[in-house]
């Protein structure tokens, strides 16, 4: 099994749900942490979903539902979830251009 550490960032520029990460085929991904940083002068909320597509039915789980961040603050989430191949991590924020999101992941290749 090959392990690769990944750090990524997304600037949330609208209230549309954004896909933060999709686990590649033949991989699993350990979500070590997610940092949400409010760049707004007002309080905002963030919702983070895990979309499990590994079974016969796609299921959305809320890892965090409308978590409030005060102005110019940040929150570190330690989910410690393992995503299976094609699973999705996504986020929605309450207003435009107000949040930066960074991820720390460990991606493992599954040799089949």
Protein backbone atom coordinates (compact mmCIF):
# COMPACT_ATOMS: atom_id res chain seq x y z
CA UNK A 1 0.00 0.00 0.00
CA UNK A 2 1.41 3.37 -1.03
CA UNK A 3 0.69 6.31 1.29
CA UNK A 4 0.61 9.91 0.07
CA UNK A 5 0.03 12.98 2.23
CA UNK A 6 -2.07 15.71 0.64
CA UNK A 7 -2.70 19.27 1.76
CA UNK A 8 -5.21 21.31 -0.20
CA UNK A 9 -7.18 24.52 0.03
CA UNK A 10 -10.44 25.90 -1.31
CA UNK A 11 -11.74 29.45 -1.27
CA UNK A 12 -15.51 29.37 -0.82
CA UNK A 13 -16.76 32.08 -3.18
CA UNK A 14 -20.49 31.35 -3.16
CA UNK A 15 -23.19 29.65 -1.13
CA UNK A 16 -23.22 26.79 -3.65
CA UNK A 17 -22.09 23.46 -2.21
CA UNK A 18 -18.45 22.87 -3.15
CA UNK A 19 -16.75 19.50 -3.53
CA UNK A 20 -13.58 19.68 -1.42
CA UNK A 21 -12.20 16.24 -2.26
CA UNK A 22 -13.14 12.99 -4.03
CA UNK A 23 -11.26 9.81 -3.21
CA UNK A 24 -9.77 8.33 -6.40
CA UNK A 25 -10.62 4.83 -7.62
CA UNK A 26 -8.47 2.14 -5.95
CA UNK A 27 -7.71 4.42 -2.99
CA UNK A 28 -8.84 5.12 0.56
CA UNK A 29 -8.32 8.47 2.21
CA UNK A 30 -7.89 9.30 5.88
CA UNK A 31 -9.17 12.79 6.69
CA UNK A 32 -6.75 14.05 9.33
CA UNK A 33 -8.10 17.59 9.66
CA UNK A 34 -10.06 20.37 8.05
CA UNK A 35 -9.58 24.04 8.91
CA UNK A 36 -12.36 26.54 8.20
CA UNK A 37 -11.21 30.17 8.33
CA UNK A 38 -13.76 32.98 8.25
CA UNK A 39 -12.52 36.02 6.35
CA UNK A 40 -15.76 37.93 6.93
CA UNK A 41 -16.44 40.76 9.35
CA UNK A 42 -19.68 38.97 10.37
CA UNK A 43 -20.44 35.55 11.86
CA UNK A 44 -21.01 32.82 9.25
CA UNK A 45 -21.86 29.12 9.25
CA UNK A 46 -20.36 26.08 7.55
CA UNK A 47 -21.84 22.65 6.84
CA UNK A 48 -19.54 19.74 5.97
CA UNK A 49 -20.88 16.53 4.39
CA UNK A 50 -19.38 13.13 3.69
CA UNK A 51 -21.02 11.46 0.68
CA UNK A 52 -20.62 7.70 0.99
CA UNK A 53 -20.86 6.09 -2.45
CA UNK A 54 -19.17 2.82 -1.51
CA UNK A 55 -22.36 0.79 -1.16
CA UNK A 56 -25.27 0.16 -3.48
CA UNK A 57 -26.92 3.38 -2.24
CA UNK A 58 -25.33 6.82 -1.98
CA UNK A 59 -25.75 8.27 1.53
CA UNK A 60 -24.94 11.81 2.72
CA UNK A 61 -23.74 12.20 6.31
CA UNK A 62 -23.46 15.60 8.01
CA UNK A 63 -20.09 15.79 9.77
CA UNK A 64 -20.88 19.34 10.86
CA UNK A 65 -24.21 21.13 10.40
CA UNK A 66 -24.27 24.93 10.26
CA UNK A 67 -21.35 25.35 12.64
CA UNK A 68 -21.05 29.05 13.46
CA UNK A 69 -17.75 30.88 13.11
CA UNK A 70 -17.44 34.38 14.51
CA UNK A 71 -15.90 37.09 12.36
CA UNK A 72 -12.25 36.63 11.40
CA UNK A 73 -11.92 33.34 13.29
CA UNK A 74 -11.11 29.74 12.47
CA UNK A 75 -12.07 26.24 13.57
CA UNK A 76 -10.03 23.05 13.25
CA UNK A 77 -12.13 19.93 12.71
CA UNK A 78 -10.54 16.54 13.46
CA UNK A 79 -12.93 14.14 11.76
CA UNK A 80 -10.60 11.12 11.61
CA UNK A 81 -12.80 9.49 8.97
CA UNK A 82 -11.64 7.09 6.30
CA UNK A 83 -13.21 7.67 2.91
CA UNK A 84 -13.52 4.77 0.50
CA UNK A 85 -12.97 5.07 -3.25
CA UNK A 86 -15.21 7.69 -4.91
CA UNK A 87 -16.47 9.03 -1.55
CA UNK A 88 -16.84 12.82 -1.49
CA UNK A 89 -16.16 15.51 1.09
CA UNK A 90 -18.13 18.71 0.44
CA UNK A 91 -18.93 22.01 2.16
CA UNK A 92 -21.56 24.74 2.10
CA UNK A 93 -21.17 28.18 3.67
CA UNK A 94 -23.82 30.73 4.60
CA UNK A 95 -22.58 33.65 2.51
CA UNK A 96 -20.27 34.45 -0.38
CA UNK A 97 -16.51 35.02 -0.27
CA UNK A 98 -16.17 34.51 3.44
CA UNK A 99 -14.40 31.24 4.10
CA UNK A 100 -11.14 29.52 3.27
CA UNK A 101 -10.94 25.77 3.83
CA UNK A 102 -7.77 23.73 4.09
CA UNK A 103 -7.54 19.94 4.24
CA UNK A 104 -4.91 17.55 5.49
CA UNK A 105 -5.36 14.05 4.05
CA UNK A 106 -3.53 10.74 3.78
CA UNK A 107 -4.33 8.87 0.57
CA UNK A 108 -3.56 5.15 0.26
CA UNK A 109 -3.40 3.17 -2.95
CA UNK A 110 -5.14 -0.23 -2.85
CA UNK A 111 -3.39 -2.80 -5.02
CA UNK A 112 -6.08 -5.16 -6.37
